[in-house]
Amino acid sequence: MPVPSAEFKRALKQLSDKEKEALLLRAARRDAELYDTLCYELLPDVDSETVFEQASDQIHELFAVGATGRLLNRSLTKALSKTVKEVARARRISKDKRLEIDLNLYALRHIFENYTGQFESPYAGFFTATARLAARTVQLVQKNLHEDLWLEYKTDLDDFLTQLHGRSKSRSLKFELPRELTMAE
């Protein structure tokens, strides 16, 4: 991401309001994420909850449409990869780390309610990606939330981690999968 130079800032200040508006509208038309960020920043009815709803709908759609076909495990892995990107996009728009945690939990709930049968597939990609998402969510909670808020997430995360550790593939993971949400050391 380029850093605006002092010369660029001076040139921007010299533009009239009408020229700034035209420039901003042109940039927003070219970049959907910029448009969503500007909506979040400028419109009073677009808040974190709205961003959550839009992102969760997109996540649900990714799994509903993307997770089909003969190679379901591969399709689920791709859908989960796109889900992680959608969550990151929502975080960039809102700058809200709790939103990122909530969306990760939404995706994990969706996976554990609908696709745990695919954990037993001979292909480990989907299981590994799910375990990585669970581990990342634990790290985000530990790093970004006050301990008083952990109780809100502990039950779900501990349940997901227990289910993941109950699978034989958990022993072959190349990263540390926590057993529960505990104090960071």
C-alpha atoms as a PDB file:
ATOM      1  CA  MET A   1       0.000   0.000   0.000  1.00  0.00           C
ATOM      2  CA  PRO A   2       1.631   3.276  -1.036  1.00  0.00           C
ATOM      3  CA  VAL A   3       2.115   5.996   1.543  1.00  0.00           C
ATOM      4  CA  PRO A   4       0.856   9.408   0.364  1.00  0.00           C
ATOM      5  CA  SER A   5       3.743  11.830  -0.061  1.00  0.00           C
ATOM      6  CA  ALA A   6       3.726  15.392   1.231  1.00  0.00           C
ATOM      7  CA  GLU A   7       3.452  16.628  -2.360  1.00  0.00           C
ATOM      8  CA  PHE A   8       0.397  14.429  -2.939  1.00  0.00           C
ATOM      9  CA  LYS A   9      -1.251  15.759   0.241  1.00  0.00           C
ATOM     10  CA  ARG A  10      -0.600  19.372  -0.843  1.00  0.00           C
ATOM     11  CA  ALA A  11      -2.096  18.690  -4.277  1.00  0.00           C
ATOM     12  CA  LEU A  12      -5.139  17.095  -2.649  1.00  0.00           C
ATOM     13  CA  LYS A  13      -5.667  20.128  -0.405  1.00  0.00           C
ATOM     14  CA  GLN A  14      -5.612  22.408  -3.464  1.00  0.00           C
ATOM     15  CA  LEU A  15      -8.526  20.560  -5.096  1.00  0.00           C
ATOM     16  CA  SER A  16     -11.959  22.085  -4.811  1.00  0.00           C
ATOM     17  CA  ASP A  17     -14.716  20.198  -2.976  1.00  0.00           C
ATOM     18  CA  LYS A  18     -16.328  19.274  -6.288  1.00  0.00           C
ATOM     19  CA  GLU A  19     -13.030  17.860  -7.634  1.00  0.00           C
ATOM     20  CA  LYS A  20     -12.452  15.906  -4.415  1.00  0.00           C
ATOM     21  CA  GLU A  21     -15.953  14.481  -4.623  1.00  0.00           C
ATOM     22  CA  ALA A  22     -15.450  13.404  -8.244  1.00  0.00           C
ATOM     23  CA  LEU A  23     -12.106  11.820  -7.414  1.00  0.00           C
ATOM     24  CA  LEU A  24     -13.563   9.956  -4.428  1.00  0.00           C
ATOM     25  CA  LEU A  25     -16.554   8.693  -6.421  1.00  0.00           C
ATOM     26  CA  ARG A  26     -14.282   7.473  -9.211  1.00  0.00           C
ATOM     27  CA  ALA A  27     -12.074   5.616  -6.723  1.00  0.00           C
ATOM     28  CA  ALA A  28     -15.108   4.064  -4.987  1.00  0.00           C
ATOM     29  CA  ARG A  29     -16.475   2.808  -8.324  1.00  0.00           C
ATOM     30  CA  ARG A  30     -13.191   1.026  -9.041  1.00  0.00           C
ATOM     31  CA  ASP A  31     -12.716  -0.622  -5.661  1.00  0.00           C
ATOM     32  CA  ALA A  32     -15.594  -2.465  -3.962  1.00  0.00           C
ATOM     33  CA  GLU A  33     -13.756  -2.683  -0.643  1.00  0.00           C
ATOM     34  CA  LEU A  34     -13.089   1.066  -0.661  1.00  0.00           C
ATOM     35  CA  TYR A  35     -16.773   1.637  -1.394  1.00  0.00           C
ATOM     36  CA  ASP A  36     -17.795  -0.599   1.538  1.00  0.00           C
ATOM     37  CA  THR A  37     -15.276   1.123   3.821  1.00  0.00           C
ATOM     38  CA  LEU A  38     -16.600   4.554   2.854  1.00  0.00           C
ATOM     39  CA  CYS A  39     -20.184   3.382   3.446  1.00  0.00           C
ATOM     40  CA  TYR A  40     -19.131   2.127   6.885  1.00  0.00           C
ATOM     41  CA  GLU A  41     -17.373   5.406   7.698  1.00  0.00           C
ATOM     42  CA  LEU A  42     -19.917   7.816   6.225  1.00  0.00           C
ATOM     43  CA  LEU A  43     -23.396   6.291   6.458  1.00  0.00           C
ATOM     44  CA  PRO A  44     -25.064   6.215   9.883  1.00  0.00           C
ATOM     45  CA  ASP A  45     -27.098   3.065   9.153  1.00  0.00           C
ATOM     46  CA  VAL A  46     -24.025   0.978   8.240  1.00  0.00           C
ATOM     47  CA  ASP A  47     -22.404  -0.345  11.409  1.00  0.00           C
ATOM     48  CA  SER A  48     -20.510  -3.423  12.597  1.00  0.00           C
ATOM     49  CA  GLU A  49     -23.728  -5.412  12.773  1.00  0.00           C
ATOM     50  CA  THR A  50     -24.503  -4.611   9.136  1.00  0.00           C
ATOM     51  CA  VAL A  51     -20.995  -5.651   8.097  1.00  0.00           C
ATOM     52  CA  PHE A  52     -21.419  -8.871  10.127  1.00  0.00           C
ATOM     53  CA  GLU A  53     -24.734  -9.654   8.420  1.00  0.00           C
ATOM     54  CA  GLN A  54     -23.308  -9.063   4.951  1.00  0.00           C
ATOM     55  CA  ALA A  55     -20.186 -11.123   5.635  1.00  0.00           C
ATOM     56  CA  SER A  56     -22.102 -13.972   7.299  1.00  0.00           C
ATOM     57  CA  ASP A  57     -24.479 -14.109   4.323  1.00  0.00           C
ATOM     58  CA  GLN A  58     -21.472 -14.282   2.022  1.00  0.00           C
ATOM     59  CA  ILE A  59     -19.895 -17.058   4.140  1.00  0.00           C
ATOM     60  CA  HIS A  60     -23.134 -19.041   4.100  1.00  0.00           C
ATOM     61  CA  GLU A  61     -23.312 -18.610   0.319  1.00  0.00           C
ATOM     62  CA  LEU A  62     -19.699 -19.762  -0.111  1.00  0.00           C
ATOM     63  CA  PHE A  63     -20.458 -23.038   1.638  1.00  0.00           C
ATOM     64  CA  ALA A  64     -23.902 -23.499   0.069  1.00  0.00           C
ATOM     65  CA  VAL A  65     -22.754 -22.940  -3.513  1.00  0.00           C
ATOM     66  CA  GLY A  66     -19.039 -23.716  -3.339  1.00  0.00           C
ATOM     67  CA  ALA A  67     -19.219 -26.935  -1.321  1.00  0.00           C
ATOM     68  CA  THR A  68     -20.662 -29.302  -3.867  1.00  0.00           C
ATOM     69  CA  GLY A  69     -19.508 -31.868  -6.331  1.00  0.00           C
ATOM     70  CA  ARG A  70     -17.622 -35.086  -6.442  1.00  0.00           C
ATOM     71  CA  LEU A  71     -14.602 -33.807  -4.536  1.00  0.00           C
ATOM     72  CA  LEU A  72     -16.483 -32.340  -1.589  1.00  0.00           C
ATOM     73  CA  ASN A  73     -13.414 -32.147   0.657  1.00  0.00           C
ATOM     74  CA  ARG A  74     -11.550 -30.028  -1.886  1.00  0.00           C
ATOM     75  CA  SER A  75     -14.622 -27.820  -2.435  1.00  0.00           C
ATOM     76  CA  LEU A  76     -14.982 -27.305   1.317  1.00  0.00           C
ATOM     77  CA  THR A  77     -11.307 -26.400   1.621  1.00  0.00           C
ATOM     78  CA  LYS A  78     -11.703 -23.780  -1.114  1.00  0.00           C
ATOM     79  CA  ALA A  79     -14.893 -22.442   0.485  1.00  0.00           C
ATOM     80  CA  LEU A  80     -13.097 -22.175   3.836  1.00  0.00           C
ATOM     81  CA  SER A  81     -10.176 -20.364   2.222  1.00  0.00           C
ATOM     82  CA  LYS A  82     -12.575 -17.856   0.655  1.00  0.00           C
ATOM     83  CA  THR A  83     -14.331 -17.546   4.024  1.00  0.00           C
ATOM     84  CA  VAL A  84     -11.068 -16.560   5.716  1.00  0.00           C
ATOM     85  CA  LYS A  85     -10.565 -13.906   3.026  1.00  0.00           C
ATOM     86  CA  GLU A  86     -14.121 -12.608   3.518  1.00  0.00           C
ATOM     87  CA  VAL A  87     -13.531 -12.348   7.279  1.00  0.00           C
ATOM     88  CA  ALA A  88     -10.297 -10.424   6.685  1.00  0.00           C
ATOM     89  CA  ARG A  89     -12.140  -8.108   4.295  1.00  0.00           C
ATOM     90  CA  ALA A  90     -14.837  -7.407   6.903  1.00  0.00           C
ATOM     91  CA  ARG A  91     -12.133  -6.663   9.487  1.00  0.00           C
ATOM     92  CA  ARG A  92     -10.402  -4.228   7.117  1.00  0.00           C
ATOM     93  CA  ILE A  93     -13.685  -2.448   6.452  1.00  0.00           C
ATOM     94  CA  SER A  94     -14.716  -2.079  10.104  1.00  0.00           C
ATOM     95  CA  LYS A  95     -11.330  -2.245  11.863  1.00  0.00           C
ATOM     96  CA  ASP A  96     -13.195  -4.294  14.503  1.00  0.00           C
ATOM     97  CA  LYS A  97     -11.266  -7.289  15.835  1.00  0.00           C
ATOM     98  CA  ARG A  98     -14.262  -8.588  17.743  1.00  0.00           C
ATOM     99  CA  LEU A  99     -16.164  -8.729  14.451  1.00  0.00           C
ATOM    100  CA  GLU A 100     -13.381 -10.926  13.075  1.00  0.00           C
ATOM    101  CA  ILE A 101     -13.726 -13.289  16.048  1.00  0.00           C
ATOM    102  CA  ASP A 102     -17.516 -13.413  15.692  1.00  0.00           C
ATOM    103  CA  LEU A 103     -17.289 -14.189  11.971  1.00  0.00           C
ATOM    104  CA  ASN A 104     -14.703 -16.910  12.580  1.00  0.00           C
ATOM    105  CA  LEU A 105     -17.040 -18.457  15.143  1.00  0.00           C
ATOM    106  CA  TYR A 106     -19.932 -18.197  12.694  1.00  0.00           C
ATOM    107  CA  ALA A 107     -17.888 -20.122  10.110  1.00  0.00           C
ATOM    108  CA  LEU A 108     -16.786 -22.714  12.674  1.00  0.00           C
ATOM    109  CA  ARG A 109     -20.374 -23.241  13.853  1.00  0.00           C
ATOM    110  CA  HIS A 110     -21.475 -23.714  10.263  1.00  0.00           C
ATOM    111  CA  ILE A 111     -18.709 -26.255   9.648  1.00  0.00           C
ATOM    112  CA  PHE A 112     -19.362 -28.231  12.846  1.00  0.00           C
ATOM    113  CA  GLU A 113     -23.131 -28.287  12.258  1.00  0.00           C
ATOM    114  CA  ASN A 114     -22.909 -29.445   8.643  1.00  0.00           C
ATOM    115  CA  TYR A 115     -19.558 -30.839   7.541  1.00  0.00           C
ATOM    116  CA  THR A 116     -17.819 -32.795  10.333  1.00  0.00           C
ATOM    117  CA  GLY A 117     -18.281 -35.988   8.320  1.00  0.00           C
ATOM    118  CA  GLN A 118     -15.658 -34.678   5.910  1.00  0.00           C
ATOM    119  CA  PHE A 119     -13.040 -34.677   8.683  1.00  0.00           C
ATOM    120  CA  GLU A 120     -12.765 -38.463   8.154  1.00  0.00           C
ATOM    121  CA  SER A 121     -11.960 -38.073   4.460  1.00  0.00           C
ATOM    122  CA  PRO A 122      -8.599 -39.482   3.371  1.00  0.00           C
ATOM    123  CA  TYR A 123      -7.685 -35.923   2.386  1.00  0.00           C
ATOM    124  CA  ALA A 124      -6.626 -33.797   5.330  1.00  0.00           C
ATOM    125  CA  GLY A 125      -6.967 -30.358   3.730  1.00  0.00           C
ATOM    126  CA  PHE A 126     -10.388 -29.446   5.107  1.00  0.00           C
ATOM    127  CA  PHE A 127      -9.628 -30.775   8.597  1.00  0.00           C
ATOM    128  CA  THR A 128      -6.313 -28.902   8.678  1.00  0.00           C
ATOM    129  CA  ALA A 129      -7.885 -25.646   7.476  1.00  0.00           C
ATOM    130  CA  THR A 130     -10.656 -25.943  10.076  1.00  0.00           C
ATOM    131  CA  ALA A 131      -8.135 -26.655  12.844  1.00  0.00           C
ATOM    132  CA  ARG A 132      -6.047 -23.679  11.728  1.00  0.00           C
ATOM    133  CA  LEU A 133      -9.129 -21.415  11.845  1.00  0.00           C
ATOM    134  CA  ALA A 134      -9.979 -22.653  15.347  1.00  0.00           C
ATOM    135  CA  ALA A 135      -6.409 -22.072  16.553  1.00  0.00           C
ATOM    136  CA  ARG A 136      -6.365 -18.588  15.007  1.00  0.00           C
ATOM    137  CA  THR A 137      -9.668 -17.726  16.665  1.00  0.00           C
ATOM    138  CA  VAL A 138      -8.289 -18.781  20.059  1.00  0.00           C
ATOM    139  CA  GLN A 139      -5.242 -16.561  19.459  1.00  0.00           C
ATOM    140  CA  LEU A 140      -7.437 -13.614  18.479  1.00  0.00           C
ATOM    141  CA  VAL A 141      -9.552 -13.957  21.621  1.00  0.00           C
ATOM    142  CA  GLN A 142      -6.464 -14.187  23.826  1.00  0.00           C
ATOM    143  CA  LYS A 143      -4.710 -11.275  22.134  1.00  0.00           C
ATOM    144  CA  ASN A 144      -7.531  -8.815  21.473  1.00  0.00           C
ATOM    145  CA  LEU A 145     -10.219  -9.277  24.104  1.00  0.00           C
ATOM    146  CA  HIS A 146     -10.259  -8.594  27.810  1.00  0.00           C
ATOM    147  CA  GLU A 147     -10.436 -11.763  29.902  1.00  0.00           C
ATOM    148  CA  ASP A 148     -13.938 -10.866  31.109  1.00  0.00           C
ATOM    149  CA  LEU A 149     -15.187 -11.277  27.527  1.00  0.00           C
ATOM    150  CA  TRP A 150     -13.592 -14.710  27.108  1.00  0.00           C
ATOM    151  CA  LEU A 151     -16.509 -16.439  28.839  1.00  0.00           C
ATOM    152  CA  GLU A 152     -18.709 -15.475  25.916  1.00  0.00           C
ATOM    153  CA  TYR A 153     -16.485 -17.506  23.562  1.00  0.00           C
ATOM    154  CA  LYS A 154     -15.006 -20.189  25.817  1.00  0.00           C
ATOM    155  CA  THR A 155     -17.815 -22.768  25.606  1.00  0.00           C
ATOM    156  CA  ASP A 156     -17.983 -22.783  21.809  1.00  0.00           C
ATOM    157  CA  LEU A 157     -14.223 -22.711  21.288  1.00  0.00           C
ATOM    158  CA  ASP A 158     -13.568 -25.440  23.850  1.00  0.00           C
ATOM    159  CA  ASP A 159     -16.236 -27.609  22.200  1.00  0.00           C
ATOM    160  CA  PHE A 160     -14.701 -27.102  18.738  1.00  0.00           C
ATOM    161  CA  LEU A 161     -11.201 -27.827  20.031  1.00  0.00           C
ATOM    162  CA  THR A 162     -12.366 -30.971  21.840  1.00  0.00           C
ATOM    163  CA  GLN A 163     -14.043 -32.253  18.672  1.00  0.00           C
ATOM    164  CA  LEU A 164     -10.928 -31.524  16.619  1.00  0.00           C
ATOM    165  CA  HIS A 165      -8.655 -33.258  19.133  1.00  0.00           C
ATOM    166  CA  GLY A 166     -11.010 -36.258  19.088  1.00  0.00           C
ATOM    167  CA  ARG A 167     -10.071 -36.955  15.471  1.00  0.00           C
ATOM    168  CA  SER A 168      -7.041 -39.034  14.583  1.00  0.00           C
ATOM    169  CA  LYS A 169      -5.818 -36.382  12.132  1.00  0.00           C
ATOM    170  CA  SER A 170      -5.181 -33.972  15.012  1.00  0.00           C
ATOM    171  CA  ARG A 171      -1.960 -35.851  15.817  1.00  0.00           C
ATOM    172  CA  SER A 172      -0.498 -35.140  12.375  1.00  0.00           C
ATOM    173  CA  LEU A 173      -1.066 -31.363  12.395  1.00  0.00           C
ATOM    174  CA  LYS A 174       2.082 -29.349  11.756  1.00  0.00           C
ATOM    175  CA  PHE A 175       1.079 -26.625  14.210  1.00  0.00           C
ATOM    176  CA  GLU A 176       0.008 -26.530  17.846  1.00  0.00           C
ATOM    177  CA  LEU A 177      -3.736 -26.864  18.280  1.00  0.00           C
ATOM    178  CA  PRO A 178      -4.724 -25.662  21.762  1.00  0.00           C
ATOM    179  CA  ARG A 179      -6.878 -27.969  23.872  1.00  0.00           C
ATOM    180  CA  GLU A 180      -8.939 -25.122  25.350  1.00  0.00           C
ATOM    181  CA  LEU A 181      -9.152 -21.355  25.656  1.00  0.00           C
ATOM    182  CA  THR A 182      -6.792 -20.514  28.516  1.00  0.00           C
ATOM    183  CA  MET A 183      -4.704 -17.600  29.715  1.00  0.00           C
ATOM    184  CA  ALA A 184      -1.963 -16.708  27.214  1.00  0.00           C
ATOM    185  CA  GLU A 185       1.443 -17.355  28.684  1.00  0.00           C
END
